[in-house]
């Protein structure tokens, strides 16, 4: 079994090559690399919790549960569902703004999912290699310090962009309820002009929810799969920040 020294400086154990590929130095034992700082990990888990809460409450807002008997004044179930949805949405928005700040002050891995090097031929070659690996056409997987190129492009197009759309449409719908004189509507009312009308904004918001839910399910499966099929840790890296290569 390969021995790992957790306190060994990352620079002396693993060198980071192009597109985040980890290149193990000759005659060196694989060691840990500090990939995700505390701010990125906090954003990841708070965002995951918010998405779960928003998906659950959003489903009931779109398909309300049966009414409860008795006086309406004695119940506030749907109100609590909407209030929870609004709180989770606003927390998600605040965390996203803070995450944008981390893009400018954090390391390369804090910026990775916010840009796509589509002009680099080598990056596309890495994507096609990953596709062949997942189709069992390549005998060996490559090691990456951050997201592999296929996960990189999925995070950008199937998570980050839909998340931005969800935030904009969600705050626009919230501003509609707050009234056209509110600062919410002044800030997000333009979304109705772009998409056409309130019903279209509702539809885009609803479709966006299912895109992110499906992405989250695939993301969890792939993260766990990576732990079993590659020589590196994936799930625990988002807990401790350290990625180990074995």
Protein backbone atom coordinates (compact mmCIF):
# COMPACT_ATOMS: atom_id res chain seq x y z
CA UNK A 1 0.00 0.00 0.00
CA UNK A 2 1.36 3.44 -0.91
CA UNK A 3 2.35 5.51 2.07
CA UNK A 4 1.06 9.05 2.14
CA UNK A 5 2.54 11.86 4.19
CA UNK A 6 -0.25 14.34 4.86
CA UNK A 7 2.13 17.07 6.07
CA UNK A 8 4.42 16.92 3.06
CA UNK A 9 4.29 20.23 1.12
CA UNK A 10 2.10 19.76 -1.95
CA UNK A 11 4.63 21.40 -4.27
CA UNK A 12 7.18 18.69 -3.57
CA UNK A 13 4.76 15.81 -4.07
CA UNK A 14 2.57 16.59 -7.08
CA UNK A 15 3.17 19.04 -9.89
CA UNK A 16 0.16 20.51 -11.66
CA UNK A 17 0.31 20.39 -15.43
CA UNK A 18 -1.91 21.77 -18.18
CA UNK A 19 -5.69 21.80 -17.62
CA UNK A 20 -5.25 20.66 -14.01
CA UNK A 21 -3.70 17.30 -14.86
CA UNK A 22 -1.63 15.98 -11.98
CA UNK A 23 1.81 14.84 -13.04
CA UNK A 24 3.61 12.68 -10.50
CA UNK A 25 7.36 13.41 -10.36
CA UNK A 26 9.65 10.48 -11.17
CA UNK A 27 10.51 8.25 -8.20
CA UNK A 28 8.22 10.26 -5.92
CA UNK A 29 5.47 8.87 -3.77
CA UNK A 30 2.01 10.26 -4.54
CA UNK A 31 1.07 12.88 -2.00
CA UNK A 32 -1.77 15.23 -1.11
CA UNK A 33 -2.66 18.47 -2.88
CA UNK A 34 -4.72 21.19 -1.21
CA UNK A 35 -7.35 21.90 -3.85
CA UNK A 36 -10.48 23.46 -2.33
CA UNK A 37 -10.12 26.15 0.32
CA UNK A 38 -12.60 26.58 3.17
CA UNK A 39 -14.59 29.31 1.39
CA UNK A 40 -15.16 27.14 -1.70
CA UNK A 41 -16.12 24.13 0.42
CA UNK A 42 -18.56 26.20 2.48
CA UNK A 43 -20.16 27.55 -0.70
CA UNK A 44 -20.44 24.03 -2.12
CA UNK A 45 -22.28 22.54 0.85
CA UNK A 46 -24.52 25.55 1.55
CA UNK A 47 -25.44 25.64 -2.14
CA UNK A 48 -26.20 21.92 -2.10
CA UNK A 49 -28.50 22.39 0.93
CA UNK A 50 -30.21 25.38 -0.70
CA UNK A 51 -30.80 23.44 -3.93
CA UNK A 52 -32.38 20.58 -1.99
CA UNK A 53 -34.68 22.95 -0.06
CA UNK A 54 -35.53 24.99 -3.15
CA UNK A 55 -36.32 21.91 -5.24
CA UNK A 56 -38.58 20.43 -2.55
CA UNK A 57 -40.46 23.64 -1.77
CA UNK A 58 -40.53 24.68 -5.43
CA UNK A 59 -42.18 21.41 -6.36
CA UNK A 60 -44.97 22.04 -3.84
CA UNK A 61 -45.36 25.64 -5.02
CA UNK A 62 -45.86 24.37 -8.56
CA UNK A 63 -48.03 21.43 -7.45
CA UNK A 64 -49.66 22.48 -4.16
CA UNK A 65 -50.57 19.77 -1.63
CA UNK A 66 -54.22 19.09 -0.80
CA UNK A 67 -55.92 21.70 1.35
CA UNK A 68 -56.18 21.22 5.09
CA UNK A 69 -59.55 21.23 6.79
CA UNK A 70 -60.55 23.81 9.36
CA UNK A 71 -60.27 27.57 9.55
CA UNK A 72 -57.69 29.13 7.23
CA UNK A 73 -56.51 31.35 10.11
CA UNK A 74 -55.36 28.20 11.96
CA UNK A 75 -53.03 27.08 9.17
CA UNK A 76 -50.15 28.64 7.34
CA UNK A 77 -48.64 25.57 5.68
CA UNK A 78 -48.38 26.99 2.15
CA UNK A 79 -47.14 30.26 3.55
CA UNK A 80 -44.35 28.43 5.35
CA UNK A 81 -43.47 26.57 2.15
CA UNK A 82 -43.19 29.82 0.21
CA UNK A 83 -41.30 31.56 3.02
CA UNK A 84 -38.79 28.69 3.19
CA UNK A 85 -38.38 28.85 -0.59
CA UNK A 86 -37.74 32.60 -0.49
CA UNK A 87 -35.23 32.35 2.35
CA UNK A 88 -33.32 29.53 0.66
CA UNK A 89 -33.29 31.48 -2.60
CA UNK A 90 -31.91 34.60 -0.96
CA UNK A 91 -29.25 32.59 0.88
CA UNK A 92 -28.31 30.99 -2.44
CA UNK A 93 -28.04 34.42 -4.04
CA UNK A 94 -25.84 35.83 -1.26
CA UNK A 95 -23.57 32.77 -1.37
CA UNK A 96 -23.26 33.11 -5.14
CA UNK A 97 -22.17 36.75 -4.84
CA UNK A 98 -19.59 35.75 -2.22
CA UNK A 99 -18.46 32.93 -4.51
CA UNK A 100 -17.92 35.45 -7.31
CA UNK A 101 -15.69 37.41 -4.96
CA UNK A 102 -13.70 34.24 -4.33
CA UNK A 103 -13.13 33.91 -8.08
CA UNK A 104 -10.98 37.05 -7.99
CA UNK A 105 -9.15 36.43 -4.70
CA UNK A 106 -8.95 32.61 -4.66
CA UNK A 107 -6.64 30.20 -6.42
CA UNK A 108 -6.93 28.61 -9.85
CA UNK A 109 -9.33 25.91 -8.62
CA UNK A 110 -11.68 28.56 -7.24
CA UNK A 111 -11.90 30.02 -10.76
CA UNK A 112 -12.04 26.82 -12.78
CA UNK A 113 -15.78 26.36 -13.23
CA UNK A 114 -16.31 30.03 -14.14
CA UNK A 115 -14.46 29.93 -17.45
CA UNK A 116 -14.00 27.55 -20.37
CA UNK A 117 -10.71 27.49 -22.37
CA UNK A 118 -12.58 26.60 -25.55
CA UNK A 119 -9.84 28.15 -27.72
CA UNK A 120 -7.27 25.57 -26.56
CA UNK A 121 -7.07 22.45 -28.71
CA UNK A 122 -5.41 20.49 -25.90
CA UNK A 123 -8.42 21.05 -23.66
CA UNK A 124 -10.75 19.52 -26.27
CA UNK A 125 -8.40 16.57 -26.66
CA UNK A 126 -8.62 15.98 -22.91
CA UNK A 127 -12.43 16.02 -23.12
CA UNK A 128 -12.46 13.40 -25.87
CA UNK A 129 -10.02 11.29 -23.86
CA UNK A 130 -12.34 11.44 -20.85
CA UNK A 131 -15.33 10.46 -22.99
CA UNK A 132 -13.40 7.45 -24.28
CA UNK A 133 -12.45 6.52 -20.72
CA UNK A 134 -16.08 6.59 -19.59
CA UNK A 135 -17.02 4.47 -22.64
CA UNK A 136 -14.33 1.92 -21.63
CA UNK A 137 -12.34 2.68 -24.79
CA UNK A 138 -9.26 3.76 -22.85
CA UNK A 139 -7.54 1.38 -20.42
CA UNK A 140 -6.28 4.03 -18.02
CA UNK A 141 -7.78 7.17 -16.54
CA UNK A 142 -5.79 10.38 -16.19
CA UNK A 143 -5.36 12.06 -12.84
CA UNK A 144 -6.51 15.64 -12.36
CA UNK A 145 -5.98 17.94 -9.41
CA UNK A 146 -9.24 19.84 -9.98
CA UNK A 147 -12.19 18.92 -12.16
CA UNK A 148 -11.38 16.78 -15.16
CA UNK A 149 -12.18 18.55 -18.48
CA UNK A 150 -15.46 16.68 -18.99
CA UNK A 151 -16.65 17.59 -15.50
CA UNK A 152 -15.37 21.11 -16.11
CA UNK A 153 -17.58 21.68 -19.15
CA UNK A 154 -20.56 20.05 -17.42
CA UNK A 155 -20.16 22.26 -14.35
CA UNK A 156 -20.12 25.36 -16.55
CA UNK A 157 -22.98 24.62 -18.97
CA UNK A 158 -25.25 22.36 -16.90
CA UNK A 159 -24.80 23.88 -13.45
CA UNK A 160 -23.31 27.38 -13.43
CA UNK A 161 -25.31 28.90 -16.30
CA UNK A 162 -28.64 27.30 -15.21
CA UNK A 163 -27.93 28.47 -11.64
CA UNK A 164 -27.56 32.07 -12.85
CA UNK A 165 -30.80 31.75 -14.83
CA UNK A 166 -32.55 30.33 -11.74
CA UNK A 167 -31.38 33.20 -9.57
CA UNK A 168 -32.44 35.86 -12.06
CA UNK A 169 -35.86 34.33 -12.80
CA UNK A 170 -36.45 33.52 -9.14
CA UNK A 171 -35.71 37.04 -7.96
CA UNK A 172 -37.82 38.40 -10.84
CA UNK A 173 -40.81 36.34 -9.71
CA UNK A 174 -40.22 37.43 -6.13
CA UNK A 175 -40.12 41.07 -7.25
CA UNK A 176 -43.46 40.60 -8.98
CA UNK A 177 -44.99 39.71 -5.64
CA UNK A 178 -43.30 42.64 -3.92
CA UNK A 179 -44.85 45.08 -6.39
CA UNK A 180 -43.64 47.19 -9.29
CA UNK A 181 -42.74 50.04 -6.91
CA UNK A 182 -40.33 47.89 -4.89
CA UNK A 183 -36.56 48.02 -5.33
CA UNK A 184 -36.74 44.28 -6.08
CA UNK A 185 -38.75 45.01 -9.22
CA UNK A 186 -36.46 47.87 -10.18
CA UNK A 187 -33.52 45.47 -9.92
CA UNK A 188 -35.04 42.39 -11.58
CA UNK A 189 -38.09 43.57 -13.51
CA UNK A 190 -36.03 43.65 -16.71
CA UNK A 191 -36.15 39.83 -16.73
CA UNK A 192 -39.84 40.00 -17.75
CA UNK A 193 -38.92 42.27 -20.66
CA UNK A 194 -36.23 39.87 -21.84
CA UNK A 195 -38.32 36.69 -21.59
CA UNK A 196 -41.64 38.22 -22.57
CA UNK A 197 -44.11 37.69 -19.75
CA UNK A 198 -44.61 36.26 -16.28
CA UNK A 199 -45.72 32.84 -17.53
CA UNK A 200 -42.56 32.43 -19.59
CA UNK A 201 -40.43 33.37 -16.59
CA UNK A 202 -42.30 30.76 -14.52
CA UNK A 203 -41.72 28.12 -17.19
CA UNK A 204 -38.00 28.88 -17.52
CA UNK A 205 -37.65 28.80 -13.74
CA UNK A 206 -39.45 25.46 -13.56
CA UNK A 207 -37.39 23.86 -16.35
CA UNK A 208 -34.21 25.21 -14.77
CA UNK A 209 -35.09 23.46 -11.54
CA UNK A 210 -35.25 20.08 -13.26
CA UNK A 211 -31.98 20.70 -15.08
CA UNK A 212 -30.18 21.39 -11.81
CA UNK A 213 -31.88 18.49 -10.02
CA UNK A 214 -30.83 16.05 -12.75
CA UNK A 215 -27.32 17.51 -12.77
CA UNK A 216 -27.09 17.12 -8.99
CA UNK A 217 -28.06 13.45 -9.18
CA UNK A 218 -25.50 12.74 -11.91
CA UNK A 219 -22.89 14.83 -10.09
CA UNK A 220 -23.27 12.79 -6.90
CA UNK A 221 -23.08 9.53 -8.81
CA UNK A 222 -19.98 10.56 -10.74
CA UNK A 223 -18.21 11.89 -7.63
CA UNK A 224 -18.73 8.59 -5.80
CA UNK A 225 -17.77 6.64 -8.94
CA UNK A 226 -14.50 8.58 -9.21
CA UNK A 227 -13.54 7.52 -5.70
CA UNK A 228 -13.87 3.88 -6.71
CA UNK A 229 -12.38 3.93 -10.21
CA UNK A 230 -9.47 6.42 -10.00
CA UNK A 231 -6.31 6.67 -7.93
CA UNK A 232 -7.47 9.84 -6.16
CA UNK A 233 -9.99 11.03 -3.62
CA UNK A 234 -12.96 13.05 -4.85
CA UNK A 235 -15.73 13.22 -2.25
CA UNK A 236 -13.43 13.75 0.73
CA UNK A 237 -11.60 16.52 -1.16
CA UNK A 238 -14.72 18.66 -0.80
CA UNK A 239 -14.77 17.90 2.93
CA UNK A 240 -11.14 18.43 3.92
CA UNK A 241 -9.90 20.33 0.87
CA UNK A 242 -7.09 17.79 0.30
CA UNK A 243 -6.92 15.45 -2.68
CA UNK A 244 -4.81 12.32 -2.29
CA UNK A 245 -3.25 10.32 -5.10
CA UNK A 246 -2.60 6.62 -4.53
